[in-house]
C-alpha cells in the first residue's frame, strides 16, 4: 500500500512537472512571437502606406490585440477618405483595396462609438456594395479603367462584407473570382482575368495572389455563423485546395518562388507568412487537420530567418512595383498576422 501511494505521488509530481515545463515552453513561444510582432510593427509604422497597406496593417494589429493602434490607423484612413466612400486613398489604387481595412475600421468604430467613424465605415460599405465598378454579374473589378479581376480580390471585399454580416454578397464575390481564376488542372489560381476580353491576361500562379486568397478565405470562414455550415464547408474545401496546391511547390527551405510553379522566378518570403497565417487559423477553426500545423511552423521559421536587425522582413514581393524581392508594408503585416495566429 505504501509503495502504491509512493508511486502515485511520484506520478502526480512528474505530471505536474511536465505540465509546468509545457507552460514554460508555451510562454517562451508567446514571448518570442510578441517580440517579433513589436519589431515588425515598429518597422511597418515607419513605412509609407497606400490604402490596402493601411488596411492590412490595421487588420494585423487588430488580430494582434493592438486596440489603440487600430483606432489610430482608422482615424488616419478617415483623413484620406474620398467623397465616394473609399478610405485611406493617398493615390489611386485598386477598386476594392480600401476594403482590406474595412473589418478593422468597423471594429474601431464599435470600440469608440465615434459617429463620424461609424459613418465613414458605412460609406466604405456603400462604395463596395453599390458604387464600385463591376461586371454584368456584379463581381467587382480590381482596377479602374480596365475590367480586370485579380486574385488579390479574395482578400479585398469578401472579408469586409462577411465581417459586416453581408454573407451572401461575400460568398457571391468569392464564387465569381473562383469561376474566373481557379485552374482545376494545376490546382492553382491564375492572377488576372479580363472581363471585357473574357480571357485570362495573366495566367501565372503568382504566389502573393495565393496568399491573399488563402488569408481572405480564412477570415470569411471565421465570420460565417455556425448555421451556415454548408457554406463554411465549401469555402474550407476551396481554401484547403489553394493551400495544398501551393504546398506541392514548397522549396526545401520552406519558402516559395514568386510564381509558385516556376522555379525560374525569384525566391519570395511573404507567401510563406501568408500560408502559415491561413493554416494556423484553419487548424484553430477546425477546417484543417492538426497535421498542417507542422507545415505552418516550418514556413514560419523560414520567414523568421528573413527578418533583419531593424525588424524588416526581407525578400518579400517588394513595393512599389511588386515585381522583385524587397520590402513592403504587407510583408510586415503578414509577419504580425502569422505570429499572432501562431501563438498557442
Protein backbone atom coordinates (compact mmCIF):
# COMPACT_ATOMS: atom_id res chain seq x y z
CA UNK A 1 0.00 0.00 0.00
CA UNK A 2 2.78 2.42 0.91
CA UNK A 3 4.64 1.61 -2.31
CA UNK A 4 1.46 2.24 -4.35
CA UNK A 5 0.97 5.54 -2.55
CA UNK A 6 4.59 6.47 -3.22
CA UNK A 7 4.23 5.69 -6.94
CA UNK A 8 1.04 7.75 -7.12
CA UNK A 9 2.81 10.72 -5.57
CA UNK A 10 5.72 10.34 -7.98
CA UNK A 11 3.32 10.13 -10.93
CA UNK A 12 1.46 13.24 -9.85
CA UNK A 13 4.70 15.11 -9.33
CA UNK A 14 6.02 14.02 -12.72
CA UNK A 15 2.80 15.09 -14.42
CA UNK A 16 2.87 18.44 -12.66
CA UNK A 17 6.49 18.96 -13.65
CA UNK A 18 5.67 18.09 -17.27
CA UNK A 19 2.71 20.46 -17.26
CA UNK A 20 4.89 23.19 -15.82
CA UNK A 21 7.53 22.61 -18.46
CA UNK A 22 4.87 22.77 -21.18
CA UNK A 23 3.52 26.02 -19.78
CA UNK A 24 7.03 27.40 -19.70
CA UNK A 25 7.68 26.37 -23.30
CA UNK A 26 4.42 27.95 -24.43
CA UNK A 27 5.22 31.14 -22.54
CA UNK A 28 8.61 31.26 -24.27
CA UNK A 29 6.96 30.78 -27.68
CA UNK A 30 4.46 33.56 -26.93
CA UNK A 31 7.24 35.83 -25.74
CA UNK A 32 9.21 35.37 -28.95
CA UNK A 33 6.09 35.94 -31.05
CA UNK A 34 5.28 39.13 -29.14
CA UNK A 35 8.84 40.39 -29.55
CA UNK A 36 8.69 39.81 -33.30
CA UNK A 37 5.26 41.45 -33.53
CA UNK A 38 6.63 44.53 -31.78
CA UNK A 39 9.63 44.76 -34.11
CA UNK A 40 7.55 44.19 -37.25
CA UNK A 41 5.01 46.78 -36.10
CA UNK A 42 7.62 49.46 -35.44
CA UNK A 43 9.10 48.92 -38.90
CA UNK A 44 5.67 48.91 -40.58
CA UNK A 45 4.61 52.16 -38.96
CA UNK A 46 7.74 53.80 -40.36
CA UNK A 47 6.78 52.84 -43.93
CA UNK A 48 4.73 54.97 -46.30
CA UNK A 49 1.40 53.28 -46.98
CA UNK A 50 -1.28 53.16 -49.66
CA UNK A 51 -4.91 52.26 -48.97
CA UNK A 52 -4.60 48.47 -48.94
CA UNK A 53 -1.36 48.70 -46.96
CA UNK A 54 -3.03 50.87 -44.32
CA UNK A 55 -5.86 48.36 -44.25
CA UNK A 56 -3.92 45.14 -43.98
CA UNK A 57 -1.74 46.68 -41.27
CA UNK A 58 -4.87 47.71 -39.34
CA UNK A 59 -6.20 44.14 -39.67
CA UNK A 60 -2.88 42.74 -38.48
CA UNK A 61 -2.84 44.95 -35.41
CA UNK A 62 -6.47 44.08 -34.73
CA UNK A 63 -5.59 40.39 -34.64
CA UNK A 64 -2.53 41.13 -32.52
CA UNK A 65 -4.73 42.86 -29.92
CA UNK A 66 -3.36 46.36 -30.50
CA UNK A 67 -6.60 48.26 -29.91
CA UNK A 68 -5.18 51.77 -29.64
CA UNK A 69 -3.16 51.46 -32.84
CA UNK A 70 -6.16 50.11 -34.77
CA UNK A 71 -8.13 53.19 -33.74
CA UNK A 72 -5.24 55.46 -34.72
CA UNK A 73 -4.90 53.82 -38.14
CA UNK A 74 -8.66 54.16 -38.67
CA UNK A 75 -8.58 57.87 -37.87
CA UNK A 76 -5.69 58.32 -40.31
CA UNK A 77 -7.64 56.46 -43.02
CA UNK A 78 -10.58 58.82 -42.42
CA UNK A 79 -8.34 61.81 -43.13
CA UNK A 80 -7.54 60.34 -46.56
CA UNK A 81 -11.15 59.41 -47.38
CA UNK A 82 -12.59 60.16 -50.82
CA UNK A 83 -16.11 61.55 -51.40
CA UNK A 84 -17.13 58.24 -52.98
CA UNK A 85 -16.55 56.43 -49.65
CA UNK A 86 -13.10 54.93 -50.08
CA UNK A 87 -10.81 55.34 -47.07
CA UNK A 88 -7.05 55.78 -46.83
CA UNK A 89 -6.57 56.70 -50.50
CA UNK A 90 -3.34 58.68 -50.88
CA UNK A 91 -3.03 57.77 -54.60
CA UNK A 92 -5.39 55.90 -56.88
CA UNK A 93 -5.10 52.18 -56.30
CA UNK A 94 -7.39 49.21 -56.71
CA UNK A 95 -11.18 49.31 -56.66
CA UNK A 96 -11.54 47.18 -53.53
CA UNK A 97 -8.15 47.89 -51.94
CA UNK A 98 -9.66 50.20 -49.26
CA UNK A 99 -11.85 47.33 -48.08
CA UNK A 100 -8.80 45.43 -46.83
CA UNK A 101 -9.02 47.53 -43.68
CA UNK A 102 -12.79 47.56 -43.51
CA UNK A 103 -13.23 44.97 -40.76
CA UNK A 104 -10.60 46.66 -38.57
CA UNK A 105 -12.08 50.10 -39.18
CA UNK A 106 -15.53 48.77 -38.28
CA UNK A 107 -14.19 47.34 -35.04
CA UNK A 108 -12.54 50.66 -34.20
CA UNK A 109 -15.90 52.38 -34.77
CA UNK A 110 -17.59 49.93 -32.40
CA UNK A 111 -14.91 50.39 -29.75
CA UNK A 112 -15.03 54.17 -29.84
CA UNK A 113 -18.71 54.76 -30.54
CA UNK A 114 -17.49 57.65 -32.71
CA UNK A 115 -20.38 58.56 -35.03
CA UNK A 116 -18.07 60.11 -37.62
CA UNK A 117 -16.04 56.91 -37.71
CA UNK A 118 -19.19 54.81 -37.98
CA UNK A 119 -20.38 56.97 -40.87
CA UNK A 120 -17.03 56.59 -42.65
CA UNK A 121 -17.23 52.80 -42.39
CA UNK A 122 -20.80 52.86 -43.69
CA UNK A 123 -19.72 54.97 -46.68
CA UNK A 124 -17.00 52.41 -47.40
CA UNK A 125 -19.59 49.62 -47.25
CA UNK A 126 -21.86 51.53 -49.67
CA UNK A 127 -18.89 52.01 -52.02
CA UNK A 128 -18.33 48.26 -52.12
CA UNK A 129 -22.00 47.30 -52.37
CA UNK A 130 -23.34 49.96 -54.71
CA UNK A 131 -20.74 52.20 -56.34
CA UNK A 132 -17.58 50.24 -57.14
CA UNK A 133 -17.18 49.21 -60.81
CA UNK A 134 -18.07 45.60 -61.52
CA UNK A 135 -19.02 43.12 -64.21
CA UNK A 136 -22.51 42.43 -65.51
CA UNK A 137 -22.95 39.68 -62.92
CA UNK A 138 -21.94 42.00 -60.09
CA UNK A 139 -18.42 40.68 -59.50
CA UNK A 140 -16.11 43.52 -58.54
CA UNK A 141 -13.23 44.70 -60.68
CA UNK A 142 -9.81 45.16 -59.16
CA UNK A 143 -8.75 48.05 -61.36
CA UNK A 144 -10.10 51.38 -62.56
CA UNK A 145 -10.10 51.81 -66.32
CA UNK A 146 -9.80 48.10 -67.06
CA UNK A 147 -12.43 45.41 -66.39
CA UNK A 148 -9.99 43.14 -64.56
CA UNK A 149 -10.43 40.76 -61.65
CA UNK A 150 -7.27 39.79 -59.73
CA UNK A 151 -6.52 37.04 -57.25
CA UNK A 152 -5.79 39.81 -54.72
CA UNK A 153 -9.55 40.41 -54.67
CA UNK A 154 -10.24 37.43 -52.43
CA UNK A 155 -8.84 39.48 -49.53
CA UNK A 156 -10.47 42.75 -50.62
CA UNK A 157 -14.25 42.96 -50.40
CA UNK A 158 -15.22 39.46 -49.14
CA UNK A 159 -13.71 39.62 -45.61
CA UNK A 160 -15.12 43.12 -45.08
CA UNK A 161 -18.58 42.11 -46.31
CA UNK A 162 -18.58 38.99 -44.14
CA UNK A 163 -17.46 40.99 -41.09
CA UNK A 164 -20.40 43.34 -41.68
CA UNK A 165 -22.80 40.38 -41.79
CA UNK A 166 -23.33 40.57 -45.56
CA UNK A 167 -22.58 36.88 -46.01
CA UNK A 168 -24.41 36.27 -49.28
CA UNK A 169 -22.55 39.05 -51.08
CA UNK A 170 -19.21 37.94 -49.66
CA UNK A 171 -19.84 34.41 -50.94
CA UNK A 172 -21.03 35.67 -54.32
CA UNK A 173 -17.82 37.62 -54.83
CA UNK A 174 -15.69 34.62 -53.86
CA UNK A 175 -17.52 32.33 -56.26
CA UNK A 176 -17.19 34.91 -59.03
CA UNK A 177 -13.43 35.17 -58.55
CA UNK A 178 -13.14 31.40 -58.26
CA UNK A 179 -15.01 30.77 -61.53
CA UNK A 180 -12.65 33.05 -63.41
CA UNK A 181 -9.29 32.38 -61.77
CA UNK A 182 -9.16 28.83 -60.41
CA UNK A 183 -7.28 26.36 -62.62
CA UNK A 184 -8.59 22.93 -61.71
CA UNK A 185 -5.89 21.14 -63.67
CA UNK A 186 -2.98 22.91 -62.00
CA UNK A 187 -4.82 23.28 -58.67
CA UNK A 188 -3.60 26.88 -58.60
CA UNK A 189 -5.03 30.33 -59.19
CA UNK A 190 -4.31 32.47 -62.22
CA UNK A 191 -3.56 36.08 -61.41
CA UNK A 192 -5.66 38.30 -63.75
CA UNK A 193 -8.90 37.84 -65.70
CA UNK A 194 -10.06 40.42 -68.26
CA UNK A 195 -13.86 40.56 -68.15
CA UNK A 196 -14.08 42.57 -71.37
CA UNK A 197 -11.99 40.14 -73.38
CA UNK A 198 -13.39 37.15 -71.45
CA UNK A 199 -9.97 35.61 -71.01
CA UNK A 200 -7.00 35.41 -68.67
CA UNK A 201 -4.44 38.10 -69.29
CA UNK A 202 -2.05 36.76 -66.64
CA UNK A 203 -2.38 33.02 -66.16
CA UNK A 204 0.69 32.81 -63.93
CA UNK A 205 0.24 31.38 -60.44
CA UNK A 206 1.50 34.44 -58.59
CA UNK A 207 2.42 33.49 -55.05
CA UNK A 208 1.14 36.68 -53.45
CA UNK A 209 -2.26 36.17 -55.01
CA UNK A 210 -2.49 32.71 -53.45
CA UNK A 211 -1.55 34.19 -50.10
CA UNK A 212 -4.21 36.88 -50.37
CA UNK A 213 -6.77 34.25 -51.32
CA UNK A 214 -5.92 31.82 -48.51
CA UNK A 215 -5.87 34.63 -45.94
CA UNK A 216 -9.12 36.15 -47.16
CA UNK A 217 -10.95 32.83 -47.22
CA UNK A 218 -9.79 32.01 -43.70
CA UNK A 219 -11.27 35.28 -42.47
CA UNK A 220 -14.59 34.80 -44.25
CA UNK A 221 -14.89 31.26 -42.88
CA UNK A 222 -14.33 32.60 -39.37
CA UNK A 223 -17.02 35.26 -39.86
CA UNK A 224 -19.73 32.86 -41.08
CA UNK A 225 -22.21 31.84 -38.37
CA UNK A 226 -22.46 28.17 -37.47
CA UNK A 227 -25.87 27.85 -39.10
CA UNK A 228 -24.13 28.39 -42.44
CA UNK A 229 -22.12 25.21 -42.06
CA UNK A 230 -22.59 24.20 -45.71
CA UNK A 231 -21.03 27.50 -46.81
CA UNK A 232 -18.20 27.10 -44.31
CA UNK A 233 -17.51 23.61 -45.61
CA UNK A 234 -17.48 24.72 -49.25
CA UNK A 235 -15.11 27.61 -48.55
CA UNK A 236 -12.90 25.39 -46.40
CA UNK A 237 -12.55 22.88 -49.23
CA UNK A 238 -11.53 25.67 -51.59
CA UNK A 239 -9.08 27.17 -49.10
CA UNK A 240 -7.56 23.74 -48.49
CA UNK A 241 -7.19 23.22 -52.26
CA UNK A 242 -5.33 26.53 -52.57
CA UNK A 243 -3.05 25.68 -49.64
CA UNK A 244 -2.38 22.16 -50.90
CA UNK A 245 -1.71 23.46 -54.41
CA UNK A 246 0.97 25.77 -53.05
CA UNK A 247 2.46 23.21 -50.68
CA UNK A 248 3.20 20.93 -53.62
CA UNK A 249 5.64 23.60 -54.80
CA UNK A 250 7.24 24.48 -51.45
CA UNK A 251 11.00 24.79 -51.61
CA UNK A 252 13.34 22.77 -49.41
CA UNK A 253 13.99 25.90 -47.33
CA UNK A 254 10.28 26.40 -46.51
CA UNK A 255 9.81 29.33 -48.90
CA UNK A 256 8.26 29.60 -52.37
CA UNK A 257 9.03 31.07 -55.75
CA UNK A 258 7.29 34.30 -56.71
CA UNK A 259 5.35 32.29 -59.29
CA UNK A 260 4.82 29.17 -57.27
CA UNK A 261 5.19 26.65 -60.10
CA UNK A 262 8.03 28.47 -61.90
CA UNK A 263 11.46 27.84 -60.40
CA UNK A 264 12.97 30.49 -62.68
CA UNK A 265 11.28 33.22 -60.65
CA UNK A 266 12.83 34.66 -57.51
CA UNK A 267 12.53 33.13 -54.05
CA UNK A 268 9.91 35.07 -52.09
CA UNK A 269 9.19 35.37 -48.36
CA UNK A 270 5.65 36.62 -47.95
CA UNK A 271 3.72 33.65 -49.31
CA UNK A 272 5.21 31.52 -46.54
CA UNK A 273 3.92 34.02 -43.98
CA UNK A 274 0.52 34.25 -45.64
CA UNK A 275 0.02 30.49 -45.87
CA UNK A 276 1.26 29.94 -42.32
CA UNK A 277 -1.29 32.50 -41.13
CA UNK A 278 -4.13 30.81 -43.04
CA UNK A 279 -3.08 27.36 -41.80
CA UNK A 280 -2.90 28.45 -38.16
CA UNK A 281 -6.39 29.92 -38.48
CA UNK A 282 -7.67 26.83 -40.27
CA UNK A 283 -6.36 24.45 -37.62
CA UNK A 284 -7.77 26.61 -34.83
CA UNK A 285 -11.17 26.89 -36.54
CA UNK A 286 -11.28 23.16 -37.24
CA UNK A 287 -11.36 23.13 -41.03
CA UNK A 288 -7.75 21.97 -41.36
CA UNK A 289 -6.35 18.88 -39.70
CA UNK A 290 -3.75 19.49 -36.93
CA UNK A 291 -1.06 17.86 -39.06
CA UNK A 292 -0.98 21.04 -41.17
CA UNK A 293 0.43 22.98 -38.24
CA UNK A 294 3.85 21.41 -38.72
CA UNK A 295 3.91 22.76 -42.26
CA UNK A 296 3.00 26.23 -40.98
CA UNK A 297 5.69 26.03 -38.29
CA UNK A 298 8.27 25.22 -40.95
CA UNK A 299 7.25 28.18 -43.11
CA UNK A 300 7.17 30.42 -40.04
CA UNK A 301 10.76 29.52 -39.17
CA UNK A 302 11.86 30.16 -42.75
CA UNK A 303 10.19 33.57 -42.75
CA UNK A 304 11.61 34.42 -39.33
CA UNK A 305 15.06 33.97 -40.79
CA UNK A 306 14.32 36.83 -43.18
CA UNK A 307 13.71 39.46 -40.50
CA UNK A 308 16.67 41.80 -40.20
CA UNK A 309 18.02 43.69 -37.18
CA UNK A 310 15.62 46.57 -37.83
CA UNK A 311 12.55 44.34 -37.78
CA UNK A 312 12.06 44.47 -41.54
CA UNK A 313 11.08 41.26 -43.33
CA UNK A 314 13.37 40.99 -46.32
CA UNK A 315 12.79 39.20 -49.59
CA UNK A 316 9.05 39.68 -49.88
CA UNK A 317 7.49 40.62 -53.21
CA UNK A 318 8.52 44.21 -52.78
CA UNK A 319 6.95 47.66 -53.04
CA UNK A 320 6.39 49.72 -55.06
CA UNK A 321 6.12 47.58 -58.21
CA UNK A 322 5.87 44.14 -56.57
CA UNK A 323 7.93 42.51 -59.30
CA UNK A 324 11.19 41.89 -57.41
CA UNK A 325 12.31 40.85 -53.93
CA UNK A 326 12.30 43.71 -51.45
CA UNK A 327 10.27 45.00 -48.51
CA UNK A 328 6.65 46.10 -48.11
CA UNK A 329 4.04 47.03 -45.54
CA UNK A 330 2.06 43.90 -46.42
CA UNK A 331 5.14 41.81 -45.71
CA UNK A 332 5.32 43.39 -42.27
CA UNK A 333 1.59 42.96 -41.73
CA UNK A 334 1.66 39.27 -42.54
CA UNK A 335 4.58 38.77 -40.19
CA UNK A 336 2.32 40.20 -37.47
CA UNK A 337 -0.68 38.15 -38.60
CA UNK A 338 1.38 34.96 -38.75
CA UNK A 339 2.91 35.46 -35.32
CA UNK A 340 -0.41 36.37 -33.70
CA UNK A 341 -2.20 33.39 -35.28
CA UNK A 342 0.66 31.04 -34.41
CA UNK A 343 0.61 31.76 -30.69
CA UNK A 344 -0.56 28.69 -28.78
